[in-house]
PDB file of N, CA and C in Angstrom:
ATOM      1  N   MET A   1     116.183 104.024 107.832  1.00  0.00           N
ATOM      2  CA  MET A   1     115.344 104.733 106.844  1.00  0.00           C
ATOM      3  C   MET A   1     116.419 105.383 105.920  1.00  0.00           C
ATOM      4  N   SER A   2     116.221 105.225 104.693  1.00  0.00           N
ATOM      5  CA  SER A   2     117.053 105.807 103.616  1.00  0.00           C
ATOM      6  C   SER A   2     116.520 106.808 102.985  1.00  0.00           C
ATOM      7  N   TYR A   3     117.336 107.974 102.734  1.00  0.00           N
ATOM      8  CA  TYR A   3     116.773 109.127 101.931  1.00  0.00           C
ATOM      9  C   TYR A   3     117.997 109.556 101.125  1.00  0.00           C
ATOM     10  N   GLY A   4     117.910 109.960  99.880  1.00  0.00           N
ATOM     11  CA  GLY A   4     118.830 110.333  99.054  1.00  0.00           C
ATOM     12  C   GLY A   4     118.583 111.802  98.611  1.00  0.00           C
ATOM     13  N   THR A   5     119.655 112.345  98.098  1.00  0.00           N
ATOM     14  CA  THR A   5     119.645 113.708  97.573  1.00  0.00           C
ATOM     15  C   THR A   5     119.650 113.825  95.925  1.00  0.00           C
ATOM     16  N   ASP A   6     119.870 112.641  95.358  1.00  0.00           N
ATOM     17  CA  ASP A   6     119.873 112.774  93.924  1.00  0.00           C
ATOM     18  C   ASP A   6     118.931 111.995  93.184  1.00  0.00           C
ATOM     19  N   GLU A   7     118.784 111.954  92.046  1.00  0.00           N
ATOM     20  CA  GLU A   7     117.709 111.260  91.146  1.00  0.00           C
ATOM     21  C   GLU A   7     117.395 109.743  91.588  1.00  0.00           C
ATOM     22  N   GLY A   8     118.641 109.210  91.810  1.00  0.00           N
ATOM     23  CA  GLY A   8     118.573 107.741  92.110  1.00  0.00           C
ATOM     24  C   GLY A   8     118.349 107.366  93.608  1.00  0.00           C
ATOM     25  N   SER A   9     117.896 108.293  94.458  1.00  0.00           N
ATOM     26  CA  SER A   9     117.853 108.314  95.821  1.00  0.00           C
ATOM     27  C   SER A   9     116.972 107.096  96.181  1.00  0.00           C
ATOM     28  N   VAL A  10     117.217 106.487  97.423  1.00  0.00           N
ATOM     29  CA  VAL A  10     116.467 105.290  97.965  1.00  0.00           C
ATOM     30  C   VAL A  10     115.359 105.808  98.826  1.00  0.00           C
ATOM     31  N   PHE A  11     114.209 105.405  98.666  1.00  0.00           N
ATOM     32  CA  PHE A  11     113.034 105.657  99.447  1.00  0.00           C
ATOM     33  C   PHE A  11     112.830 104.356 100.253  1.00  0.00           C
ATOM     34  N   ARG A  12     112.809 104.498 101.717  1.00  0.00           N
ATOM     35  CA  ARG A  12     112.634 103.372 102.526  1.00  0.00           C
ATOM     36  C   ARG A  12     111.999 103.831 103.802  1.00  0.00           C
ATOM     37  N   PRO A  13     110.790 103.706 104.013  1.00  0.00           N
ATOM     38  CA  PRO A  13     110.236 104.011 105.265  1.00  0.00           C
ATOM     39  C   PRO A  13     110.738 103.161 106.407  1.00  0.00           C
ATOM     40  N   PRO A  14     110.474 103.690 107.508  1.00  0.00           N
ATOM     41  CA  PRO A  14     111.014 102.776 108.710  1.00  0.00           C
ATOM     42  C   PRO A  14     110.378 101.455 108.776  1.00  0.00           C
ATOM     43  N   ARG A  15     111.194 100.498 109.241  1.00  0.00           N
ATOM     44  CA  ARG A  15     110.649  99.079 109.350  1.00  0.00           C
ATOM     45  C   ARG A  15     109.411  98.922 110.121  1.00  0.00           C
ATOM     46  N   LEU A  16     109.204  99.628 111.170  1.00  0.00           N
ATOM     47  CA  LEU A  16     108.094  99.556 112.028  1.00  0.00           C
ATOM     48  C   LEU A  16     106.769 100.173 111.292  1.00  0.00           C
ATOM     49  N   PHE A  17     107.036 101.127 110.523  1.00  0.00           N
ATOM     50  CA  PHE A  17     105.921 101.709 109.574  1.00  0.00           C
ATOM     51  C   PHE A  17     105.495 100.518 108.518  1.00  0.00           C
ATOM     52  N   ARG A  18     106.555  99.958 107.892  1.00  0.00           N
ATOM     53  CA  ARG A  18     106.146  98.915 106.875  1.00  0.00           C
ATOM     54  C   ARG A  18     105.523  97.764 107.527  1.00  0.00           C
ATOM     55  N   TRP A  19     105.925  97.358 108.785  1.00  0.00           N
ATOM     56  CA  TRP A  19     105.322  96.070 109.502  1.00  0.00           C
ATOM     57  C   TRP A  19     103.847  96.554 109.787  1.00  0.00           C
ATOM     58  N   MET A  20     103.514  97.911 110.127  1.00  0.00           N
ATOM     59  CA  MET A  20     102.132  98.300 110.409  1.00  0.00           C
ATOM     60  C   MET A  20     101.228  98.096 109.125  1.00  0.00           C
ATOM     61  N   LEU A  21     101.741  98.524 107.994  1.00  0.00           N
ATOM     62  CA  LEU A  21     101.013  98.476 106.967  1.00  0.00           C
ATOM     63  C   LEU A  21     100.842  97.031 106.450  1.00  0.00           C
ATOM     64  N   SER A  22     101.829  96.245 106.677  1.00  0.00           N
ATOM     65  CA  SER A  22     101.541  94.816 106.330  1.00  0.00           C
ATOM     66  C   SER A  22     100.532  94.094 107.247  1.00  0.00           C
ATOM     67  N   THR A  23     100.409  94.608 108.353  1.00  0.00           N
ATOM     68  CA  THR A  23      99.608  94.197 109.384  1.00  0.00           C
ATOM     69  C   THR A  23      98.157  94.555 109.228  1.00  0.00           C
ATOM     70  N   PHE A  24      98.013  95.681 108.798  1.00  0.00           N
ATOM     71  CA  PHE A  24      96.536  96.348 108.560  1.00  0.00           C
ATOM     72  C   PHE A  24      96.122  96.352 107.267  1.00  0.00           C
ATOM     73  N   LEU A  25      96.977  96.379 106.175  1.00  0.00           N
ATOM     74  CA  LEU A  25      96.435  96.522 104.881  1.00  0.00           C
ATOM     75  C   LEU A  25      96.688  95.229 103.901  1.00  0.00           C
ATOM     76  N   SER A  26      95.800  95.084 102.973  1.00  0.00           N
ATOM     77  CA  SER A  26      96.113  93.935 101.847  1.00  0.00           C
ATOM     78  C   SER A  26      97.318  94.406 101.059  1.00  0.00           C
ATOM     79  N   ALA A  27      97.991  93.454 100.367  1.00  0.00           N
ATOM     80  CA  ALA A  27      99.119  93.715  99.595  1.00  0.00           C
ATOM     81  C   ALA A  27      98.898  94.798  98.587  1.00  0.00           C
ATOM     82  N   SER A  28      97.793  94.745  97.864  1.00  0.00           N
ATOM     83  CA  SER A  28      97.613  95.950  96.884  1.00  0.00           C
ATOM     84  C   SER A  28      97.340  97.198  97.527  1.00  0.00           C
ATOM     85  N   ASP A  29      96.628  97.330  98.814  1.00  0.00           N
ATOM     86  CA  ASP A  29      96.500  98.571  99.466  1.00  0.00           C
ATOM     87  C   ASP A  29      97.769  99.129  99.883  1.00  0.00           C
ATOM     88  N   ARG A  30      98.685  98.211 100.470  1.00  0.00           N
ATOM     89  CA  ARG A  30      99.999  98.603 100.930  1.00  0.00           C
ATOM     90  C   ARG A  30     100.760  99.196  99.840  1.00  0.00           C
ATOM     91  N   ARG A  31     100.888  98.525  98.714  1.00  0.00           N
ATOM     92  CA  ARG A  31     101.617  98.928  97.521  1.00  0.00           C
ATOM     93  C   ARG A  31     101.116 100.396  97.088  1.00  0.00           C
ATOM     94  N   ALA A  32      99.840 100.468  97.168  1.00  0.00           N
ATOM     95  CA  ALA A  32      99.233 101.873  96.776  1.00  0.00           C
ATOM     96  C   ALA A  32      99.704 102.927  97.755  1.00  0.00           C
ATOM     97  N   VAL A  33      99.602 102.643  98.969  1.00  0.00           N
ATOM     98  CA  VAL A  33      99.960 103.674 100.102  1.00  0.00           C
ATOM     99  C   VAL A  33     101.419 103.808  99.937  1.00  0.00           C
ATOM    100  N   LEU A  34     102.321 102.988  99.644  1.00  0.00           N
ATOM    101  CA  LEU A  34     103.935 103.238  99.596  1.00  0.00           C
ATOM    102  C   LEU A  34     104.161 103.889  98.426  1.00  0.00           C
ATOM    103  N   SER A  35     103.380 103.674  97.216  1.00  0.00           N
ATOM    104  CA  SER A  35     103.723 104.258  96.185  1.00  0.00           C
ATOM    105  C   SER A  35     103.200 105.755  96.032  1.00  0.00           C
ATOM    106  N   GLU A  36     102.211 106.103  96.698  1.00  0.00           N
ATOM    107  CA  GLU A  36     101.772 107.471  96.966  1.00  0.00           C
ATOM    108  C   GLU A  36     102.760 108.152  97.818  1.00  0.00           C
ATOM    109  N   LEU A  37     103.063 107.476  98.915  1.00  0.00           N
ATOM    110  CA  LEU A  37     103.989 108.113  99.845  1.00  0.00           C
ATOM    111  C   LEU A  37     105.333 108.490  99.157  1.00  0.00           C
ATOM    112  N   GLU A  38     105.942 107.441  98.397  1.00  0.00           N
ATOM    113  CA  GLU A  38     107.069 107.702  97.713  1.00  0.00           C
ATOM    114  C   GLU A  38     106.980 108.857  96.742  1.00  0.00           C
ATOM    115  N   GLU A  39     105.912 108.953  95.962  1.00  0.00           N
ATOM    116  CA  GLU A  39     105.717 110.020  94.985  1.00  0.00           C
ATOM    117  C   GLU A  39     105.699 111.395  95.735  1.00  0.00           C
ATOM    118  N   LEU A  40     104.955 111.396  96.777  1.00  0.00           N
ATOM    119  CA  LEU A  40     104.921 112.865  97.471  1.00  0.00           C
ATOM    120  C   LEU A  40     106.370 113.082  98.167  1.00  0.00           C
ATOM    121  N   PHE A  41     107.111 112.034  98.625  1.00  0.00           N
ATOM    122  CA  PHE A  41     108.399 112.233  99.211  1.00  0.00           C
ATOM    123  C   PHE A  41     109.381 112.831  98.156  1.00  0.00           C
ATOM    124  N   ARG A  42     109.400 112.158  96.938  1.00  0.00           N
ATOM    125  CA  ARG A  42     110.130 112.788  95.785  1.00  0.00           C
ATOM    126  C   ARG A  42     109.844 114.089  95.437  1.00  0.00           C
ATOM    127  N   ARG A  43     108.668 114.430  95.455  1.00  0.00           N
ATOM    128  CA  ARG A  43     108.230 115.735  95.157  1.00  0.00           C
ATOM    129  C   ARG A  43     108.851 116.725  96.151  1.00  0.00           C
ATOM    130  N   ARG A  44     108.701 116.435  97.369  1.00  0.00           N
ATOM    131  CA  ARG A  44     109.313 117.252  98.479  1.00  0.00           C
ATOM    132  C   ARG A  44     110.834 117.455  98.384  1.00  0.00           C
ATOM    133  N   LEU A  45     111.391 116.168  97.993  1.00  0.00           N
ATOM    134  CA  LEU A  45     112.805 116.121  97.924  1.00  0.00           C
ATOM    135  C   LEU A  45     113.348 117.119  96.885  1.00  0.00           C
ATOM    136  N   GLU A  46     112.573 117.185  95.618  1.00  0.00           N
ATOM    137  CA  GLU A  46     112.911 117.998  94.581  1.00  0.00           C
ATOM    138  C   GLU A  46     112.661 119.461  94.973  1.00  0.00           C
ATOM    139  N   ARG A  47     111.416 119.661  95.617  1.00  0.00           N
ATOM    140  CA  ARG A  47     111.133 121.161  95.964  1.00  0.00           C
ATOM    141  C   ARG A  47     111.980 121.709  97.219  1.00  0.00           C
ATOM    142  N   ASP A  48     111.898 120.895  98.231  1.00  0.00           N
ATOM    143  CA  ASP A  48     112.545 121.515  99.351  1.00  0.00           C
ATOM    144  C   ASP A  48     113.870 120.984  99.804  1.00  0.00           C
ATOM    145  N   GLY A  49     114.410 119.883  99.268  1.00  0.00           N
ATOM    146  CA  GLY A  49     115.644 119.335  99.678  1.00  0.00           C
ATOM    147  C   GLY A  49     115.510 118.193 100.529  1.00  0.00           C
ATOM    148  N   ALA A  50     116.697 117.487 100.893  1.00  0.00           N
ATOM    149  CA  ALA A  50     116.517 116.135 101.647  1.00  0.00           C
ATOM    150  C   ALA A  50     116.078 116.440 103.009  1.00  0.00           C
ATOM    151  N   ALA A  51     116.627 117.356 103.787  1.00  0.00           N
ATOM    152  CA  ALA A  51     116.301 117.489 105.078  1.00  0.00           C
ATOM    153  C   ALA A  51     114.783 117.713 105.515  1.00  0.00           C
ATOM    154  N   PRO A  52     114.172 118.657 104.753  1.00  0.00           N
ATOM    155  CA  PRO A  52     112.846 118.911 104.901  1.00  0.00           C
ATOM    156  C   PRO A  52     111.918 117.585 104.467  1.00  0.00           C
ATOM    157  N   ALA A  53     112.393 117.088 103.363  1.00  0.00           N
ATOM    158  CA  ALA A  53     111.654 115.898 102.924  1.00  0.00           C
ATOM    159  C   ALA A  53     111.655 114.759 103.863  1.00  0.00           C
ATOM    160  N   ALA A  54     112.934 114.589 104.454  1.00  0.00           N
ATOM    161  CA  ALA A  54     113.128 113.601 105.474  1.00  0.00           C
ATOM    162  C   ALA A  54     112.224 113.770 106.696  1.00  0.00           C
ATOM    163  N   ILE A  55     112.149 115.004 107.117  1.00  0.00           N
ATOM    164  CA  ILE A  55     111.195 115.377 108.309  1.00  0.00           C
ATOM    165  C   ILE A  55     109.768 115.178 107.973  1.00  0.00           C
ATOM    166  N   TRP A  56     109.403 115.485 106.672  1.00  0.00           N
ATOM    167  CA  TRP A  56     107.956 115.350 106.293  1.00  0.00           C
ATOM    168  C   TRP A  56     107.680 113.780 106.243  1.00  0.00           C
ATOM    169  N   LEU A  57     108.554 112.875 105.707  1.00  0.00           N
ATOM    170  CA  LEU A  57     108.346 111.573 105.705  1.00  0.00           C
ATOM    171  C   LEU A  57     108.392 110.998 107.071  1.00  0.00           C
ATOM    172  N   ARG A  58     108.995 111.423 108.071  1.00  0.00           N
ATOM    173  CA  ARG A  58     108.907 110.853 109.475  1.00  0.00           C
ATOM    174  C   ARG A  58     107.638 111.116 110.005  1.00  0.00           C
ATOM    175  N   ARG A  59     107.332 112.502 109.815  1.00  0.00           N
ATOM    176  CA  ARG A  59     105.935 112.825 110.268  1.00  0.00           C
ATOM    177  C   ARG A  59     104.841 112.082 109.631  1.00  0.00           C
ATOM    178  N   GLN A  60     104.763 111.722 108.430  1.00  0.00           N
ATOM    179  CA  GLN A  60     103.797 110.882 107.735  1.00  0.00           C
ATOM    180  C   GLN A  60     103.767 109.467 108.340  1.00  0.00           C
ATOM    181  N   CYS A  61     104.895 109.030 108.548  1.00  0.00           N
ATOM    182  CA  CYS A  61     105.069 107.627 109.059  1.00  0.00           C
ATOM    183  C   CYS A  61     104.635 107.503 110.600  1.00  0.00           C
ATOM    184  N   ARG A  62     104.758 108.708 111.322  1.00  0.00           N
ATOM    185  CA  ARG A  62     104.177 108.516 112.704  1.00  0.00           C
ATOM    186  C   ARG A  62     102.649 108.708 112.739  1.00  0.00           C
ATOM    187  N   GLN A  63     102.122 109.487 111.789  1.00  0.00           N
ATOM    188  CA  GLN A  63     100.713 109.887 111.797  1.00  0.00           C
ATOM    189  C   GLN A  63      99.749 108.816 111.196  1.00  0.00           C
ATOM    190  N   TYR A  64     100.226 108.219 110.108  1.00  0.00           N
ATOM    191  CA  TYR A  64      99.491 107.428 109.239  1.00  0.00           C
ATOM    192  C   TYR A  64      99.087 106.218 110.000  1.00  0.00           C
ATOM    193  N   PRO A  65      99.800 105.437 110.961  1.00  0.00           N
ATOM    194  CA  PRO A  65      99.278 104.446 111.448  1.00  0.00           C
ATOM    195  C   PRO A  65      98.247 104.581 112.534  1.00  0.00           C
ATOM    196  N   THR A  66      98.387 105.806 113.103  1.00  0.00           N
ATOM    197  CA  THR A  66      97.325 106.320 114.025  1.00  0.00           C
ATOM    198  C   THR A  66      95.942 106.251 113.347  1.00  0.00           C
ATOM    199  N   HIS A  67      96.006 107.052 112.154  1.00  0.00           N
ATOM    200  CA  HIS A  67      94.770 107.112 111.375  1.00  0.00           C
ATOM    201  C   HIS A  67      94.319 105.678 111.003  1.00  0.00           C
ATOM    202  N   LEU A  68      95.228 104.830 110.565  1.00  0.00           N
ATOM    203  CA  LEU A  68      94.703 103.539 110.110  1.00  0.00           C
ATOM    204  C   LEU A  68      94.227 102.698 111.234  1.00  0.00           C
ATOM    205  N   ILE A  69      94.890 102.749 112.549  1.00  0.00           N
ATOM    206  CA  ILE A  69      94.146 101.867 113.647  1.00  0.00           C
ATOM    207  C   ILE A  69      92.838 102.464 113.997  1.00  0.00           C
ATOM    208  N   THR A  70      92.730 104.035 113.890  1.00  0.00           N
ATOM    209  CA  THR A  70      91.482 104.425 114.444  1.00  0.00           C
ATOM    210  C   THR A  70      90.375 104.139 113.477  1.00  0.00           C
ATOM    211  N   GLU A  71      90.674 104.082 112.173  1.00  0.00           N
ATOM    212  CA  GLU A  71      89.689 103.688 111.199  1.00  0.00           C
ATOM    213  C   GLU A  71      89.334 102.266 111.278  1.00  0.00           C
ATOM    214  N   ARG A  72      90.281 101.389 111.641  1.00  0.00           N
ATOM    215  CA  ARG A  72      90.075  99.939 111.688  1.00  0.00           C
ATOM    216  C   ARG A  72      89.179  99.694 112.904  1.00  0.00           C
ATOM    217  N   LEU A  73      89.539 100.286 114.042  1.00  0.00           N
ATOM    218  CA  LEU A  73      88.710 100.242 115.202  1.00  0.00           C
ATOM    219  C   LEU A  73      87.227 100.710 115.080  1.00  0.00           C
ATOM    220  N   ALA A  74      87.088 101.623 114.329  1.00  0.00           N
ATOM    221  CA  ALA A  74      85.713 102.246 114.006  1.00  0.00           C
ATOM    222  C   ALA A  74      84.836 101.257 113.163  1.00  0.00           C
ATOM    223  N   SER A  75      85.715 100.749 112.271  1.00  0.00           N
ATOM    224  CA  SER A  75      84.920  99.673 111.379  1.00  0.00           C
ATOM    225  C   SER A  75      84.607  98.442 112.243  1.00  0.00           C
ATOM    226  N   MET A  76      85.515  98.080 113.011  1.00  0.00           N
ATOM    227  CA  MET A  76      85.205  96.985 113.797  1.00  0.00           C
ATOM    228  C   MET A  76      83.981  97.071 114.867  1.00  0.00           C
ATOM    229  N   ALA A  77      83.971  98.356 115.462  1.00  0.00           N
ATOM    230  CA  ALA A  77      82.850  98.703 116.346  1.00  0.00           C
ATOM    231  C   ALA A  77      81.533  98.698 115.721  1.00  0.00           C
ATOM    232  N   SER A  78      81.608  99.341 114.494  1.00  0.00           N
ATOM    233  CA  SER A  78      80.239  99.327 113.689  1.00  0.00           C
ATOM    234  C   SER A  78      79.877  97.839 113.305  1.00  0.00           C
ATOM    235  N   PHE A  79      80.733  97.083 112.988  1.00  0.00           N
ATOM    236  CA  PHE A  79      80.524  95.747 112.504  1.00  0.00           C
ATOM    237  C   PHE A  79      79.906  94.919 113.968  1.00  0.00           C
ATOM    238  N   SER A  80      80.555  95.168 114.997  1.00  0.00           N
ATOM    239  CA  SER A  80      79.994  94.502 116.128  1.00  0.00           C
ATOM    240  C   SER A  80      78.581  94.960 116.604  1.00  0.00           C
ATOM    241  N   PHE A  81      78.424  96.235 116.414  1.00  0.00           N
ATOM    242  CA  PHE A  81      76.922  96.686 116.930  1.00  0.00           C
ATOM    243  C   PHE A  81      76.023  96.175 115.941  1.00  0.00           C
ATOM    244  N   ASN A  82      76.219  96.127 114.645  1.00  0.00           N
ATOM    245  CA  ASN A  82      75.296  95.617 113.572  1.00  0.00           C
ATOM    246  C   ASN A  82      75.095  94.231 113.846  1.00  0.00           C
ATOM    247  N   ARG A  83      75.982  93.478 114.037  1.00  0.00           N
ATOM    248  CA  ARG A  83      75.939  91.999 114.233  1.00  0.00           C
ATOM    249  C   ARG A  83      75.151  91.571 115.600  1.00  0.00           C
ATOM    250  N   GLY A  84      75.435  92.469 116.517  1.00  0.00           N
ATOM    251  CA  GLY A  84      74.861  92.113 117.830  1.00  0.00           C
ATOM    252  C   GLY A  84      73.419  92.561 118.032  1.00  0.00           C
ATOM    253  N   GLY A  85      72.781  93.136 116.919  1.00  0.00           N
ATOM    254  CA  GLY A  85      71.526  93.487 116.989  1.00  0.00           C
ATOM    255  C   GLY A  85      71.192  94.823 117.544  1.00  0.00           C
ATOM    256  N   PHE A  86      72.392  95.489 117.668  1.00  0.00           N
ATOM    257  CA  PHE A  86      72.254  97.079 117.935  1.00  0.00           C
ATOM    258  C   PHE A  86      72.209  97.842 116.698  1.00  0.00           C
ATOM    259  N   ASP A  87      71.330  98.661 116.668  1.00  0.00           N
ATOM    260  CA  ASP A  87      71.187  99.435 115.468  1.00  0.00           C
ATOM    261  C   ASP A  87      71.172 101.014 115.825  1.00  0.00           C
ATOM    262  N   PRO A  88      72.230 101.687 115.940  1.00  0.00           N
ATOM    263  CA  PRO A  88      72.116 102.988 116.479  1.00  0.00           C
ATOM    264  C   PRO A  88      71.477 103.918 115.551  1.00  0.00           C
TER     265      PRO A  88
END
């Protein structure tokens, strides 16, 4: 994971996080998520400094996949119920 403290700093989320995004999102959605995350990271970097921004990014990278998987499972469950003739 790379973080910088100057204008040309490198933003690179953890490899596992990037793998999760590539597994669960389309290429365009993945680019959108990473772009948004980078923008928010850079704002934190400017406002709070490198260490707080890095902590924030790690927290986001831990929480987002859980949210993504939960959403995907809920979507799959809804699809299964509707296809199987169950209409809650």
